Amino acid sequence: MKDILHDIITNKRIEVEQQKQAIPLQSLLAMGSERLDRTPHSMRAALAASPSGIIAEFKRKSPSKGWLHPDAKVSDIVTEYEKNGASACSILTDSKFFGGSLSDLQQARRHVNLPLLRKDFIIDPYQLYQARVMGADAILLIAAALSVEECRQLAETAHSLQLEVLLEIHTENELEHVNDCIDMLGVNNRNLGSFHTDIENSFRLASGMLAKAKTESSSLLLVSESGISDPATIIRLREAGFQGFLIGETFMKTEQPGETLAQFIGGLS
């Protein structure tokens, strides 16, 4: 079976090295000095306070589904997401596999006051500085792509930059990646190797995630990611202990993602 995650990470290592050579860290920090003064929003607090908990995602394509919305303008869609009740926005910044860019993140920051998650395959501290300079409030770390020690080091660096951390797991044994710098613990219902999606994965892992949250930190907030296509699923997930719900394709495959979000939230009441 083709391992898509392996292909993505292999490409990401090459991509990040090229970016570091093109714009060394000190140059990156100098370019973004004003933006580094901005106090980030708390995504964790926004999700905890929200009646919906929806992290609405901007992505143009996926490795499994191909192009969803190839001509999508991030400024238009995130503005509609904010207007129609999103608690936060997730911005895909991977170019080759998801059709995104750091420019999308920068544009989103200019247009909304919502917390922004940089969603990418983060393997190097340089990407955390990029995220902060481009306007992110939180970053995603994927347990399947990192060792336990790499995860800790990246999470600590993120916190030093005032970025919150969403750690994504897919299996119970990846709970060992949780550390005291993790703010939100997510379960991906999509297997990043095969891209097969099963929403029941959240329910299978919920009790273990809740137990880990109690052990590590009472403030750890649970997020369910991928495969959520109807409001009834969110109601069930809330009962299982989740407070955040990352939804992308359900919105982005439609002509008007913001309107689809509004209708979705309407179904929660």
Protein backbone atom coordinates (compact mmCIF):
# COMPACT_ATOMS: atom_id res chain seq x y z
CA MET A 1 0.00 0.00 0.00
CA LYS A 2 1.28 3.45 -0.90
CA ASP A 3 2.17 5.47 2.21
CA ILE A 4 1.11 9.01 1.41
CA LEU A 5 2.46 10.43 4.68
CA HIS A 6 5.94 9.11 3.86
CA ASP A 7 5.84 10.84 0.47
CA ILE A 8 4.68 14.10 2.04
CA ILE A 9 7.38 14.12 4.72
CA THR A 10 10.10 13.23 2.20
CA ASN A 11 9.06 16.18 0.06
CA LYS A 12 8.69 18.44 3.12
CA ARG A 13 12.30 17.89 4.22
CA ILE A 14 13.53 19.03 0.79
CA GLU A 15 11.10 21.96 0.73
CA VAL A 16 12.07 23.26 4.17
CA GLU A 17 15.79 23.10 3.39
CA GLN A 18 15.19 25.11 0.23
CA GLN A 19 13.17 27.69 2.17
CA LYS A 20 15.88 28.02 4.81
CA GLN A 21 18.48 28.64 2.12
CA ALA A 22 16.30 31.16 0.30
CA ILE A 23 15.35 33.10 3.46
CA PRO A 24 17.65 32.40 6.44
CA LEU A 25 16.04 32.58 9.87
CA GLN A 26 17.47 35.98 10.78
CA SER A 27 16.17 37.44 7.51
CA LEU A 28 12.76 35.90 8.17
CA LEU A 29 12.62 37.43 11.65
CA ALA A 30 13.71 40.83 10.35
CA MET A 31 11.00 40.76 7.67
CA GLY A 32 8.33 39.93 10.22
CA SER A 33 9.46 42.07 13.15
CA GLU A 34 6.21 44.03 13.33
CA ARG A 35 4.06 40.92 13.14
CA LEU A 36 6.08 39.31 15.92
CA ASP A 37 4.86 42.09 18.22
CA ARG A 38 1.23 40.99 17.75
CA THR A 39 -0.25 39.12 20.71
CA PRO A 40 -1.66 35.86 19.34
CA HIS A 41 -5.27 34.80 19.90
CA SER A 42 -5.93 31.69 21.99
CA MET A 43 -7.48 29.00 19.83
CA ARG A 44 -7.96 26.78 22.84
CA ALA A 45 -9.94 29.47 24.69
CA ALA A 46 -12.01 30.25 21.58
CA LEU A 47 -13.00 26.59 21.20
CA ALA A 48 -13.78 26.20 24.89
CA ALA A 49 -16.09 29.23 24.83
CA SER A 50 -17.78 28.48 21.50
CA PRO A 51 -21.23 26.87 21.19
CA SER A 52 -20.11 25.13 17.98
CA GLY A 53 -16.36 24.60 18.39
CA ILE A 54 -15.90 24.46 14.63
CA ILE A 55 -12.43 25.03 13.17
CA ALA A 56 -13.34 25.80 9.55
CA GLU A 57 -10.57 24.80 7.18
CA PHE A 58 -9.37 26.47 4.01
CA LYS A 59 -7.88 23.97 1.57
CA ARG A 60 -7.98 23.76 -2.19
CA LYS A 61 -7.19 20.08 -2.66
CA SER A 62 -6.24 16.85 -0.89
CA PRO A 63 -4.09 13.88 -1.94
CA SER A 64 -7.12 11.57 -1.85
CA LYS A 65 -9.85 13.75 -3.36
CA GLY A 66 -7.86 15.93 -5.75
CA TRP A 67 -8.96 19.52 -6.31
CA LEU A 68 -11.90 20.58 -4.16
CA HIS A 69 -12.02 24.30 -4.91
CA PRO A 70 -9.03 25.19 -7.13
CA ASP A 71 -9.87 28.88 -7.59
CA ALA A 72 -10.74 29.55 -3.96
CA LYS A 73 -9.60 32.92 -2.60
CA VAL A 74 -8.58 32.70 1.03
CA SER A 75 -9.61 36.30 1.77
CA ASP A 76 -13.19 35.66 0.59
CA ILE A 77 -13.66 32.32 2.32
CA VAL A 78 -12.15 33.06 5.73
CA THR A 79 -14.16 36.29 5.89
CA GLU A 80 -17.32 34.27 5.27
CA TYR A 81 -16.22 31.68 7.81
CA GLU A 82 -15.84 34.38 10.45
CA LYS A 83 -19.18 36.00 9.56
CA ASN A 84 -21.02 32.68 9.71
CA GLY A 85 -19.83 31.51 13.11
CA ALA A 86 -16.52 29.65 12.86
CA SER A 87 -14.61 29.50 16.15
CA ALA A 88 -11.24 29.38 14.39
CA CYS A 89 -9.78 28.78 10.94
CA SER A 90 -7.30 26.18 9.78
CA ILE A 91 -5.14 27.23 6.84
CA LEU A 92 -3.41 24.53 4.78
CA THR A 93 0.03 25.84 3.84
CA ASP A 94 1.40 22.77 2.04
CA SER A 95 1.68 23.52 -1.68
CA LYS A 96 2.43 20.25 -3.48
CA PHE A 97 -0.19 18.03 -1.86
CA PHE A 98 -2.85 20.52 -0.69
CA GLY A 99 -2.55 23.53 -3.01
CA GLY A 100 -1.86 25.97 -0.16
CA SER A 101 0.89 28.44 0.72
CA LEU A 102 2.23 30.63 3.49
CA SER A 103 0.76 33.52 1.54
CA ASP A 104 -2.69 32.05 2.25
CA LEU A 105 -1.94 32.25 5.97
CA GLN A 106 -0.69 35.81 5.65
CA GLN A 107 -3.80 36.82 3.68
CA ALA A 108 -6.11 35.16 6.20
CA ARG A 109 -4.46 37.11 9.06
CA ARG A 110 -5.16 40.37 7.27
CA HIS A 111 -8.87 39.63 6.90
CA VAL A 112 -10.08 38.00 10.13
CA ASN A 113 -9.63 38.25 13.88
CA LEU A 114 -10.28 34.56 14.45
CA PRO A 115 -7.54 32.30 15.81
CA LEU A 116 -5.61 30.81 12.87
CA LEU A 117 -4.06 27.35 12.84
CA ARG A 118 -1.16 26.75 10.49
CA LYS A 119 -1.89 23.26 9.23
CA ASP A 120 1.13 21.67 7.65
CA PHE A 121 3.60 18.86 8.22
CA ILE A 122 5.92 20.51 10.73
CA ILE A 123 9.27 18.81 11.14
CA ASP A 124 11.66 21.74 11.72
CA PRO A 125 11.68 24.71 14.15
CA TYR A 126 12.09 27.02 11.14
CA GLN A 127 8.45 26.28 10.21
CA LEU A 128 7.33 27.55 13.63
CA TYR A 129 9.03 30.90 13.03
CA GLN A 130 7.38 31.02 9.61
CA ALA A 131 4.01 30.39 11.23
CA ARG A 132 4.49 33.17 13.79
CA VAL A 133 5.72 35.69 11.22
CA MET A 134 2.85 34.92 8.84
CA GLY A 135 0.19 35.40 11.51
CA ALA A 136 -0.62 31.98 12.95
CA ASP A 137 -1.91 31.64 16.51
CA ALA A 138 -1.52 27.87 16.72
CA ILE A 139 0.35 25.12 14.91
CA LEU A 140 -0.30 21.44 14.23
CA LEU A 141 2.13 18.72 15.24
CA ILE A 142 1.48 15.24 13.84
CA ALA A 143 2.57 12.38 16.09
CA ALA A 144 2.97 9.99 13.14
CA ALA A 145 5.57 12.30 11.61
CA LEU A 146 7.66 12.91 14.75
CA SER A 147 9.49 11.07 17.49
CA VAL A 148 8.40 11.75 21.06
CA GLU A 149 11.49 13.91 21.62
CA GLU A 150 11.04 15.84 18.37
CA CYS A 151 7.45 16.51 19.37
CA ARG A 152 8.51 17.88 22.75
CA GLN A 153 11.21 20.12 21.29
CA LEU A 154 8.89 21.56 18.65
CA ALA A 155 6.10 22.11 21.19
CA GLU A 156 8.47 23.90 23.55
CA THR A 157 9.74 26.13 20.74
CA ALA A 158 6.15 26.89 19.68
CA HIS A 159 5.31 27.99 23.22
CA SER A 160 8.40 30.20 23.33
CA LEU A 161 6.92 31.94 20.27
CA GLN A 162 3.49 32.26 21.96
CA LEU A 163 1.98 29.71 19.58
CA GLU A 164 -0.50 27.18 20.92
CA VAL A 165 -0.04 23.54 19.95
CA LEU A 166 -2.58 21.09 18.56
CA LEU A 167 -1.12 17.58 18.68
CA GLU A 168 -2.70 15.15 16.26
CA ILE A 169 -2.80 11.41 16.91
CA HIS A 170 -4.43 8.57 15.00
CA THR A 171 -3.75 5.59 17.27
CA GLU A 172 -3.76 5.06 21.03
CA ASN A 173 -0.02 4.39 21.26
CA GLU A 174 0.63 7.89 19.90
CA LEU A 175 -0.69 9.29 23.19
CA GLU A 176 2.90 8.96 24.42
CA HIS A 177 3.65 12.09 22.35
CA VAL A 178 1.56 14.23 24.73
CA ASN A 179 3.65 16.58 26.86
CA ASP A 180 3.04 19.63 29.05
CA CYS A 181 3.38 22.02 26.09
CA ILE A 182 0.36 20.55 24.28
CA ASP A 183 -2.73 22.77 24.46
CA MET A 184 -5.14 20.74 22.33
CA LEU A 185 -5.17 17.01 21.62
CA GLY A 186 -6.67 16.03 18.29
CA VAL A 187 -7.57 12.69 16.79
CA ASN A 188 -7.41 12.44 13.03
CA ASN A 189 -10.17 10.22 11.71
CA ARG A 190 -8.17 9.96 8.48
CA ASN A 191 -5.27 7.54 8.26
CA LEU A 192 -2.42 9.64 6.84
CA GLY A 193 -0.82 6.57 5.32
CA SER A 194 -3.79 5.38 3.28
CA PHE A 195 -6.10 8.43 3.65
CA HIS A 196 -8.96 6.11 4.60
CA THR A 197 -11.42 8.01 6.85
CA ASP A 198 -13.41 6.53 9.73
CA ILE A 199 -15.23 8.90 12.11
CA GLU A 200 -15.51 6.11 14.68
CA ASN A 201 -11.80 6.53 15.35
CA SER A 202 -12.63 9.53 17.56
CA PHE A 203 -15.04 7.48 19.64
CA ARG A 204 -12.56 4.60 19.95
CA LEU A 205 -9.83 6.91 21.29
CA ALA A 206 -11.99 9.28 23.37
CA SER A 207 -11.64 7.53 26.73
CA GLY A 208 -7.87 7.18 26.40
CA MET A 209 -7.56 10.83 25.36
CA LEU A 210 -9.67 12.00 28.30
CA ALA A 211 -7.60 9.91 30.70
CA LYS A 212 -4.38 11.36 29.25
CA ALA A 213 -5.80 14.87 29.53
CA LYS A 214 -6.51 14.36 33.24
CA THR A 215 -3.00 13.02 33.76
CA GLU A 216 -1.17 15.76 31.87
CA SER A 217 -3.30 18.84 32.26
CA SER A 218 -6.89 19.61 33.13
CA SER A 219 -6.80 22.33 30.46
CA LEU A 220 -6.06 19.97 27.54
CA LEU A 221 -8.91 20.37 25.03
CA LEU A 222 -9.97 17.51 22.72
CA VAL A 223 -10.45 18.00 18.98
CA SER A 224 -11.90 15.64 16.38
CA GLU A 225 -10.51 16.10 12.87
CA SER A 226 -11.65 14.97 9.41
CA GLY A 227 -14.67 13.12 8.12
CA ILE A 228 -17.29 15.20 9.95
CA SER A 229 -20.09 15.77 7.48
CA ASP A 230 -23.24 16.34 9.52
CA PRO A 231 -24.26 18.22 12.72
CA ALA A 232 -25.48 15.02 14.41
CA THR A 233 -21.90 13.75 14.48
CA ILE A 234 -20.75 16.83 16.39
CA ILE A 235 -23.52 16.34 18.94
CA ARG A 236 -22.30 12.76 19.51
CA LEU A 237 -18.68 13.87 19.68
CA ARG A 238 -19.50 16.53 22.29
CA GLU A 239 -21.11 13.84 24.44
CA ALA A 240 -17.86 11.84 24.13
CA GLY A 241 -15.81 14.78 25.46
CA PHE A 242 -14.70 16.70 22.34
CA GLN A 243 -14.93 20.49 22.20
CA GLY A 244 -13.23 21.24 18.87
CA PHE A 245 -14.18 19.97 15.41
CA LEU A 246 -11.93 20.53 12.40
CA ILE A 247 -13.96 20.46 9.19
CA GLY A 248 -12.60 21.15 5.71
CA GLU A 249 -13.88 19.10 2.78
CA THR A 250 -17.53 19.29 3.87
CA PHE A 251 -17.33 23.07 3.38
CA MET A 252 -14.68 23.46 0.68
CA LYS A 253 -16.26 21.09 -1.83
CA THR A 254 -19.29 23.40 -2.06
CA GLU A 255 -19.67 26.61 -4.10
CA GLN A 256 -20.16 28.77 -0.99
CA PRO A 257 -18.18 27.29 1.96
CA GLY A 258 -19.32 30.08 4.32
CA GLU A 259 -23.00 29.47 3.62
CA THR A 260 -22.48 25.73 4.05
CA LEU A 261 -20.91 26.45 7.45
CA ALA A 262 -23.91 28.60 8.45
CA GLN A 263 -26.33 25.82 7.51
CA PHE A 264 -24.18 23.29 9.38
CA ILE A 265 -24.16 25.36 12.56
CA GLY A 266 -27.90 25.85 12.21
CA GLY A 267 -28.28 22.10 12.41
CA LEU A 268 -26.58 21.99 15.81
CA SER A 269 -29.43 23.71 17.63
